[in-house]
Protein backbone atom coordinates (compact mmCIF):
# COMPACT_ATOMS: atom_id res chain seq x y z
CA MET A 1 -0.25 29.05 -16.06
CA GLN A 2 -3.31 27.92 -17.40
CA SER A 3 -6.78 28.22 -16.01
CA ILE A 4 -9.68 25.89 -15.57
CA ILE A 5 -13.66 27.32 -14.97
CA LEU A 6 -15.77 25.15 -12.77
CA ASN A 7 -19.61 24.82 -13.09
CA LYS A 8 -22.16 27.01 -11.63
CA GLY A 9 -22.39 25.88 -7.92
CA ARG A 10 -19.91 23.44 -8.16
CA GLU A 11 -17.54 26.25 -6.63
CA LYS A 12 -19.02 25.14 -3.26
CA THR A 13 -17.16 22.14 -2.38
CA VAL A 14 -13.34 24.07 -3.00
CA LEU A 15 -15.20 27.02 -0.54
CA ASN A 16 -15.25 24.28 2.18
CA ARG A 17 -11.45 23.41 1.40
CA HIS A 18 -12.30 20.08 -0.01
CA PRO A 19 -8.81 19.26 -2.07
CA TRP A 20 -11.10 17.03 -4.88
CA ILE A 21 -12.22 18.29 -7.77
CA PHE A 22 -13.79 15.95 -10.28
CA SER A 23 -13.97 16.13 -14.26
CA GLY A 24 -18.15 16.48 -14.16
CA ALA A 25 -17.18 19.71 -11.84
CA ILE A 26 -15.27 21.36 -14.68
CA LYS A 27 -16.87 23.82 -17.63
CA SER A 28 -13.51 24.21 -19.39
CA THR A 29 -10.44 22.78 -19.66
CA PRO A 30 -7.40 24.28 -22.26
CA TYR A 31 -6.95 21.19 -25.04
CA SER A 32 -3.06 21.87 -24.43
CA LEU A 33 -2.86 21.25 -20.69
CA SER A 34 -0.99 18.10 -19.81
CA SER A 35 -1.56 15.96 -16.95
CA GLY A 36 1.02 17.45 -14.12
CA GLU A 37 0.50 20.80 -14.84
CA ILE A 38 -0.37 23.54 -12.01
CA VAL A 39 -3.75 25.44 -12.87
CA GLN A 40 -5.18 28.06 -11.63
CA VAL A 41 -8.76 27.08 -10.67
CA LEU A 42 -11.92 29.79 -11.38
CA ASP A 43 -15.56 30.02 -9.99
CA TYR A 44 -17.93 30.15 -13.16
CA GLN A 45 -17.54 34.36 -12.67
CA ASN A 46 -13.72 33.88 -13.26
CA HIS A 47 -13.11 34.81 -9.83
CA LEU A 48 -10.15 32.82 -8.74
CA LEU A 49 -10.33 30.04 -5.75
CA GLY A 50 -6.87 28.59 -6.04
CA TYR A 51 -4.27 26.12 -7.24
CA GLY A 52 -4.07 22.59 -8.14
CA PHE A 53 -2.61 19.78 -9.69
CA TYR A 54 -4.19 18.36 -12.91
CA SER A 55 -4.51 14.92 -14.25
CA ARG A 56 -6.66 14.24 -17.41
CA GLU A 57 -6.53 10.54 -16.84
CA SER A 58 -7.70 11.00 -13.75
CA GLN A 59 -11.64 11.22 -12.67
CA ILE A 60 -10.14 13.46 -10.07
CA ALA A 61 -9.21 16.02 -12.73
CA ILE A 62 -7.76 18.38 -10.31
CA ARG A 63 -6.13 18.06 -6.61
CA MET A 64 -5.85 21.56 -4.97
CA PHE A 65 -2.69 22.46 -2.96
CA GLU A 66 -3.75 25.99 -2.09
CA PHE A 67 -6.85 27.67 -1.67
CA THR A 68 -7.00 31.40 -2.36
CA ASN A 69 -8.24 34.38 -4.10
CA GLN A 70 -4.87 36.61 -4.53
CA PRO A 71 -2.49 35.06 -7.17
CA ILE A 72 0.37 33.66 -6.40
CA ILE A 73 4.05 33.02 -8.26
CA MET A 74 4.36 29.85 -8.23
CA ASN A 75 8.28 29.58 -7.64
CA GLU A 76 10.95 28.21 -5.40
CA ASN A 77 10.34 30.32 -2.95
CA TYR A 78 6.57 29.33 -2.85
CA TRP A 79 7.15 25.91 -2.21
CA TYR A 80 10.65 26.15 0.62
CA HIS A 81 7.90 28.21 2.51
CA LYS A 82 4.96 25.97 2.68
CA TRP A 83 7.22 22.89 3.00
CA GLN A 84 8.82 24.74 5.91
CA LYS A 85 5.74 25.48 7.40
CA ILE A 86 4.77 21.52 7.75
CA TRP A 87 8.68 20.65 8.69
CA ASN A 88 8.26 23.13 11.58
CA PHE A 89 4.63 21.55 12.56
CA LYS A 90 6.24 18.01 12.28
CA LEU A 91 8.99 18.49 14.44
CA SER A 92 6.76 20.52 17.54
CA LEU A 93 4.71 16.71 17.24
CA LEU A 94 8.32 14.70 17.81
CA GLU A 95 8.69 13.08 21.03
CA HIS A 96 12.31 12.73 22.88
CA ASN A 97 14.32 10.01 21.47
CA THR A 98 12.58 9.87 18.58
CA ASN A 99 14.02 11.09 14.80
CA ALA A 100 11.08 8.75 12.37
CA PHE A 101 8.29 10.94 11.49
CA ARG A 102 5.52 11.24 8.60
CA PHE A 103 6.78 15.01 6.80
CA ILE A 104 4.48 15.55 4.48
CA HIS A 105 1.09 13.53 4.25
CA ALA A 106 -0.64 14.18 0.74
CA GLU A 107 -3.88 16.06 1.59
CA GLY A 108 -3.59 16.33 5.22
CA ASP A 109 -0.73 18.44 4.69
CA GLU A 110 -2.34 20.20 1.62
CA MET A 111 -0.18 18.41 -0.57
CA PRO A 112 -2.04 16.09 -2.57
CA GLY A 113 -0.47 13.35 -4.25
CA LEU A 114 3.13 13.24 -2.33
CA ILE A 115 3.85 11.20 0.65
CA ILE A 116 7.36 11.57 2.73
CA ASP A 117 8.59 9.84 5.58
CA ILE A 118 11.91 10.73 7.80
CA TYR A 119 13.81 8.27 9.09
CA ASN A 120 16.77 9.35 10.66
CA GLN A 121 18.57 10.87 7.94
CA VAL A 122 16.41 8.78 5.24
CA ALA A 123 14.18 10.25 3.29
CA VAL A 124 10.91 7.53 1.75
CA ILE A 125 9.04 9.88 -0.93
CA GLN A 126 5.74 8.30 -2.46
CA ILE A 127 4.96 9.84 -5.85
CA LEU A 128 1.14 9.28 -6.69
CA THR A 129 0.28 12.24 -9.46
CA ALA A 130 2.49 14.07 -11.98
CA GLY A 131 2.17 16.95 -10.37
CA THR A 132 3.89 16.04 -7.43
CA TYR A 133 6.52 14.06 -9.86
CA ASN A 134 7.50 17.37 -11.35
CA LEU A 135 9.11 18.52 -7.64
CA ILE A 136 10.95 15.85 -6.59
CA PRO A 137 14.59 17.93 -7.67
CA LEU A 138 13.17 20.76 -5.49
CA LEU A 139 12.17 18.49 -2.89
CA GLN A 140 15.65 16.94 -2.81
CA LYS A 141 17.31 20.07 -2.60
CA PHE A 142 14.97 21.07 0.49
CA LEU A 143 15.63 17.86 2.46
CA ILE A 144 19.27 17.83 1.73
CA SER A 145 19.22 21.87 3.59
CA HIS A 146 17.46 20.22 6.73
CA ASN A 147 20.56 17.35 7.00
CA ILE A 148 18.16 14.53 5.10
CA PHE A 149 20.63 13.30 2.84
CA TYR A 150 19.26 9.52 1.34
CA HIS A 151 16.60 9.77 -0.60
CA TYR A 152 14.43 6.31 -1.79
CA ASP A 153 12.16 7.37 -4.37
CA LYS A 154 9.30 4.22 -3.76
CA SER A 155 6.85 5.66 -5.91
CA ASP A 156 5.47 1.82 -7.25
CA ALA A 157 1.68 2.66 -7.79
CA LYS A 158 0.51 1.15 -10.95
CA ILE A 159 -1.99 3.94 -11.59
CA LEU A 160 1.03 6.54 -12.30
CA THR A 161 1.26 4.48 -15.65
CA LYS A 162 -2.15 6.53 -16.45
CA GLU A 163 -0.11 9.73 -16.41
CA GLY A 164 2.41 8.72 -18.34
CA ILE A 165 4.77 8.05 -15.11
CA PRO A 166 6.67 4.76 -14.87
CA PRO A 167 6.16 3.07 -11.48
CA ARG A 168 9.26 2.71 -9.63
CA LYS A 169 11.41 1.78 -6.77
CA GLN A 170 14.86 2.93 -6.79
CA TRP A 171 17.61 5.82 -4.64
CA LEU A 172 17.40 9.28 -5.77
CA SER A 173 20.98 9.55 -4.17
CA ASN A 174 23.52 7.16 -2.59
CA LYS A 175 22.23 3.79 -0.85
CA ILE A 176 22.35 3.84 2.58
CA GLN A 177 22.89 -0.09 3.58
CA GLU A 178 21.00 -0.27 6.86
CA ILE A 179 18.93 2.24 7.90
CA TRP A 180 18.34 2.70 11.86
CA PHE A 181 15.91 4.79 13.35
CA GLN A 182 14.64 5.73 16.80
CA GLU A 183 11.05 5.87 18.41
CA ASN A 184 10.72 6.62 21.98
CA GLY A 185 14.27 5.60 22.30
CA ILE A 186 13.63 2.15 20.88
CA GLN A 187 15.95 1.35 18.13
CA PHE A 188 14.36 0.20 14.83
CA LEU A 189 15.69 -1.26 11.43
CA CYS A 190 13.51 0.10 8.42
CA ASP A 191 13.26 -2.13 5.43
CA VAL A 192 12.54 0.61 3.03
CA GLU A 193 13.42 -1.35 -0.07
CA GLU A 194 10.91 -4.28 0.44
CA GLY A 195 9.22 -3.39 3.68
CA GLN A 196 5.57 -2.55 3.45
CA LYS A 197 4.49 0.74 3.15
CA THR A 198 7.67 3.42 3.42
CA GLY A 199 9.39 0.34 5.06
CA PHE A 200 7.09 0.97 8.75
CA PHE A 201 4.07 1.39 10.22
CA LEU A 202 4.72 5.24 11.83
CA ASP A 203 1.24 5.81 11.81
CA GLN A 204 0.73 2.90 14.70
CA LYS A 205 3.17 5.29 17.45
CA ASN A 206 1.04 6.62 19.33
CA ASN A 207 -0.65 3.23 19.74
CA ARG A 208 2.45 1.30 19.94
CA ALA A 209 3.06 3.85 23.19
CA LEU A 210 -0.78 2.58 24.76
CA VAL A 211 -0.15 -0.66 24.34
CA GLY A 212 3.40 -0.08 26.13
CA GLN A 213 1.81 1.85 28.94
CA HIS A 214 -0.19 -1.52 30.05
CA ALA A 215 2.35 -4.35 29.21
CA LYS A 216 4.41 -4.60 32.21
CA ASN A 217 4.13 -8.22 33.85
CA LYS A 218 1.32 -9.27 31.03
CA ILE A 219 1.83 -11.88 28.43
CA VAL A 220 1.11 -9.89 25.02
CA ALA A 221 0.11 -11.47 21.78
CA ASN A 222 1.18 -9.29 18.77
CA ILE A 223 -0.96 -10.74 15.57
CA PHE A 224 0.22 -9.61 12.19
CA ALA A 225 3.21 -8.33 14.01
CA TYR A 226 5.49 -7.40 11.08
CA THR A 227 8.92 -5.98 12.25
CA GLY A 228 7.39 -5.99 15.66
CA GLY A 229 6.35 -2.51 16.40
CA PHE A 230 4.17 -3.44 19.23
CA SER A 231 6.34 -6.32 20.59
CA LEU A 232 8.88 -3.92 21.79
CA TYR A 233 7.24 -1.42 22.93
CA ALA A 234 5.67 -4.31 25.43
CA LEU A 235 9.40 -5.82 25.71
CA LYS A 236 10.81 -2.59 26.76
CA ASN A 237 7.63 -2.19 29.15
CA GLN A 238 8.45 -5.31 31.10
CA ALA A 239 5.83 -7.54 29.55
CA HIS A 240 6.25 -11.08 31.08
CA LYS A 241 5.91 -13.05 28.01
CA VAL A 242 5.34 -11.56 23.98
CA TYR A 243 4.69 -13.70 21.00
CA SER A 244 5.36 -12.11 17.43
CA ILE A 245 2.91 -13.88 14.78
CA ASP A 246 3.76 -13.21 11.14
CA SER A 247 3.41 -15.46 8.11
CA SER A 248 6.66 -13.20 6.60
CA LYS A 249 10.01 -14.82 7.82
CA ARG A 250 11.53 -11.59 6.45
CA ALA A 251 9.75 -9.35 8.51
CA LEU A 252 10.42 -11.31 11.84
CA GLU A 253 13.91 -11.96 11.00
CA ILE A 254 13.97 -8.06 11.28
CA LEU A 255 12.12 -8.46 14.30
CA GLU A 256 14.74 -10.32 15.39
CA LYS A 257 17.42 -7.72 14.54
CA ASN A 258 15.46 -5.20 16.37
CA ILE A 259 15.61 -7.22 19.61
CA GLN A 260 19.12 -7.90 19.54
CA LYS A 261 20.12 -4.08 18.95
CA ASN A 262 18.31 -2.68 21.81
CA TRP A 263 18.74 -5.81 24.73
CA GLY A 264 20.44 -8.88 22.95
CA PRO A 265 18.98 -12.22 23.49
CA LEU A 266 15.66 -12.58 24.93
CA ASN A 267 14.08 -15.35 26.58
CA HIS A 268 10.48 -13.88 26.96
CA HIS A 269 10.21 -12.99 23.11
CA GLU A 270 8.57 -15.59 20.61
CA SER A 271 8.49 -14.65 16.94
CA ILE A 272 6.14 -17.41 15.29
CA VAL A 273 6.07 -17.54 11.23
CA GLU A 274 2.37 -18.96 11.10
CA ASP A 275 -0.57 -17.85 9.32
CA ALA A 276 -2.31 -15.37 11.67
CA PHE A 277 -5.90 -16.68 11.41
CA ARG A 278 -4.58 -20.41 11.95
CA TRP A 279 -2.66 -19.39 14.45
CA LEU A 280 -5.56 -17.65 16.97
CA LYS A 281 -7.81 -20.48 15.80
CA ASN A 282 -5.38 -22.66 17.71
CA MET A 283 -5.02 -20.15 20.30
CA PRO A 284 -4.80 -21.56 23.95
CA GLU A 285 -7.92 -20.21 25.69
CA HIS A 286 -7.68 -17.78 28.98
CA GLN A 287 -4.03 -17.32 28.77
CA ILE A 288 -2.93 -14.50 26.50
CA ASP A 289 -3.22 -10.36 28.78
CA ILE A 290 -2.97 -8.48 25.87
CA ILE A 291 -3.53 -8.73 22.02
CA ILE A 292 -2.83 -6.82 18.68
CA LEU A 293 -4.81 -7.25 16.00
CA ASP A 294 -2.94 -5.24 13.35
CA PRO A 295 -3.74 -6.94 9.62
CA PRO A 296 -2.94 -5.36 6.41
CA ALA A 297 -5.89 -3.76 4.40
CA PHE A 298 -8.68 -6.76 3.89
CA ALA A 299 -11.04 -4.52 1.64
CA LYS A 300 -8.88 -1.68 -1.00
CA HIS A 301 -12.39 -1.13 -3.12
CA HIS A 302 -16.18 -1.08 -2.03
CA SER A 303 -16.85 -4.60 -4.22
CA ALA A 304 -14.31 -6.08 -1.01
CA VAL A 305 -15.92 -4.50 1.90
CA GLY A 306 -18.06 -7.94 2.38
CA GLN A 307 -15.44 -9.96 2.67
CA ALA A 308 -13.37 -7.93 4.74
CA TYR A 309 -16.37 -7.86 6.88
CA ARG A 310 -15.85 -11.91 7.66
CA GLY A 311 -12.07 -11.79 7.73
CA TYR A 312 -12.55 -8.61 10.43
CA LYS A 313 -14.57 -10.47 12.36
CA GLU A 314 -12.82 -13.76 11.80
CA ILE A 315 -9.90 -12.22 13.59
CA ASN A 316 -12.07 -10.45 16.14
CA LEU A 317 -14.09 -13.47 17.09
CA GLN A 318 -10.90 -15.53 18.07
CA ALA A 319 -9.90 -13.26 20.13
CA LEU A 320 -12.37 -12.19 21.95
CA LYS A 321 -13.61 -15.63 22.40
CA LYS A 322 -9.53 -16.69 23.53
CA ILE A 323 -8.67 -13.25 25.49
CA LYS A 324 -7.86 -13.88 29.11
CA SER A 325 -10.52 -12.23 31.70
CA GLY A 326 -9.31 -8.27 32.29
CA GLY A 327 -7.70 -8.61 28.93
CA TYR A 328 -7.35 -5.74 26.81
CA LEU A 329 -7.86 -6.33 22.81
CA PHE A 330 -6.32 -3.37 21.12
CA THR A 331 -8.14 -4.14 17.32
CA PHE A 332 -7.23 -2.03 14.18
CA SER A 333 -8.36 -1.94 10.22
CA CYS A 334 -6.40 0.45 8.25
CA SER A 335 -9.02 -0.29 4.89
CA GLN A 336 -10.57 2.94 3.91
CA VAL A 337 -13.83 1.56 2.67
CA VAL A 338 -14.57 -0.01 6.26
CA GLY A 339 -15.55 3.14 8.11
CA LEU A 340 -15.34 3.22 11.92
CA GLU A 341 -18.87 3.09 11.97
CA LEU A 342 -18.62 -0.28 10.32
CA PHE A 343 -15.43 -1.52 12.22
CA ARG A 344 -17.43 -0.60 15.65
CA LYS A 345 -20.59 -2.83 14.23
CA ILE A 346 -18.29 -5.74 13.12
CA LEU A 347 -16.76 -5.92 17.31
CA PHE A 348 -20.40 -5.64 18.21
CA ASP A 349 -21.29 -8.60 15.73
CA ALA A 350 -17.72 -10.62 17.16
CA ALA A 351 -18.29 -9.95 20.60
CA CYS A 352 -22.28 -11.39 20.68
CA ASP A 353 -21.41 -14.62 19.37
CA ALA A 354 -18.25 -14.46 21.68
CA ASN A 355 -20.37 -14.10 24.36
CA ARG A 356 -18.19 -11.93 26.90
CA HIS A 357 -18.84 -8.50 28.52
CA VAL A 358 -16.52 -5.68 26.51
CA ARG A 359 -16.07 -2.41 27.82
CA LEU A 360 -15.05 0.28 24.70
CA LEU A 361 -12.38 1.72 26.57
CA LYS A 362 -10.97 4.18 23.62
CA THR A 363 -11.54 4.65 19.98
CA LEU A 364 -7.65 4.99 18.23
CA GLY A 365 -6.90 6.40 14.99
CA HIS A 366 -3.64 7.27 13.21
CA SER A 367 -0.28 9.37 15.23
CA TYR A 368 -0.47 12.90 14.64
CA ASP A 369 2.32 13.16 12.49
CA HIS A 370 -0.40 11.44 9.83
CA ALA A 371 -3.62 13.62 11.05
CA PRO A 372 -6.11 13.95 8.17
CA SER A 373 -7.40 17.19 7.11
CA LEU A 374 -11.09 18.22 8.82
CA PHE A 375 -12.36 19.00 5.18
CA HIS A 376 -10.79 15.84 3.76
CA LEU A 377 -12.45 12.65 5.87
CA GLU A 378 -11.32 10.71 3.14
CA GLY A 379 -7.69 10.53 4.57
CA GLU A 380 -8.81 8.81 8.32
CA TYR A 381 -8.37 5.49 7.33
CA LEU A 382 -6.81 4.03 10.06
CA LYS A 383 -9.11 3.21 13.13
CA GLY A 384 -8.50 1.11 16.00
CA LEU A 385 -10.63 0.44 19.44
CA TRP A 386 -9.15 -0.31 22.86
CA LEU A 387 -11.48 -2.95 24.43
CA TYR A 388 -11.24 -4.64 27.52
CA ILE A 389 -12.95 -8.01 27.74
CA GLU A 390 -14.42 -9.82 30.65
């Protein structure tokens, strides 16, 4: 294993357990080092700081996965022990009648460049770096030992090409035709091949349960519904009427399958294929008790923050203007570059323009199995607000 030495003073962030080391922090790099190799990271006095995955092409030259001043042999036992510890922790968070969870959450679980979501007996693997790509055979072996027999590789990020790895979407095992899983006793169909993210938004699990707790006898509008996570929780908890709005006909077809699987035909649910902005603009006033706004990311780069601000403000303004007095707005942003402070400002501006009195009941975030590392708050991408409107 080769070593990388940091410039003097650049060891501070590593000692504070931040997993990213940028190329400018490095004093010397062996010429023969290739992207994906595991390296020892040393300070300017040659003291060991830990181990990481090296990337020659990225500005983030090293992604740390082990912080230690003691030498470690990186063999199969090391990885199994590391993954078993994560596995046990995630199972300890799992609710009754639930068999879907995020097993590995990149930097949050000290496995940068790797995401694995479990849906019943299926693992969806997303590789973001060459370093984690090299671990796939061992990961599959570990998953099989835990009765996860079906593996889908959804590593389609274009950034992989910079490290010489072709983006891909493929089964690494036998294919399973329909993937059904349970979340708090509700059956969901997961579209791993064509669906967003790994096929479902597991990060909203706790927020879906919260909406369900307040949905009884209420009229609910789930905007950007996708395959209906929030809608099904509202229906399970005896909502009076649920509208699910999304521009994707395919997503709403899966939503209807979910409803059919759980309860059969329902006359108090309506799927609406329509642009969310248009539906909100034409939404009747003072009839909806609960509105959920969970749009896709409006900004993926800092250059798009201004555009995202306008988009978030517009959808929230329409919701705030038209929601029934005494209603709840559950509003979210998964744009990493739109921080919580900015998101709250957007809602402040929208509430002022709507001329409604708004109470902030709770700040919301990821489900617990998506917890970011306290030392890497860049991983804290999902933020939400639970608002009461008069």
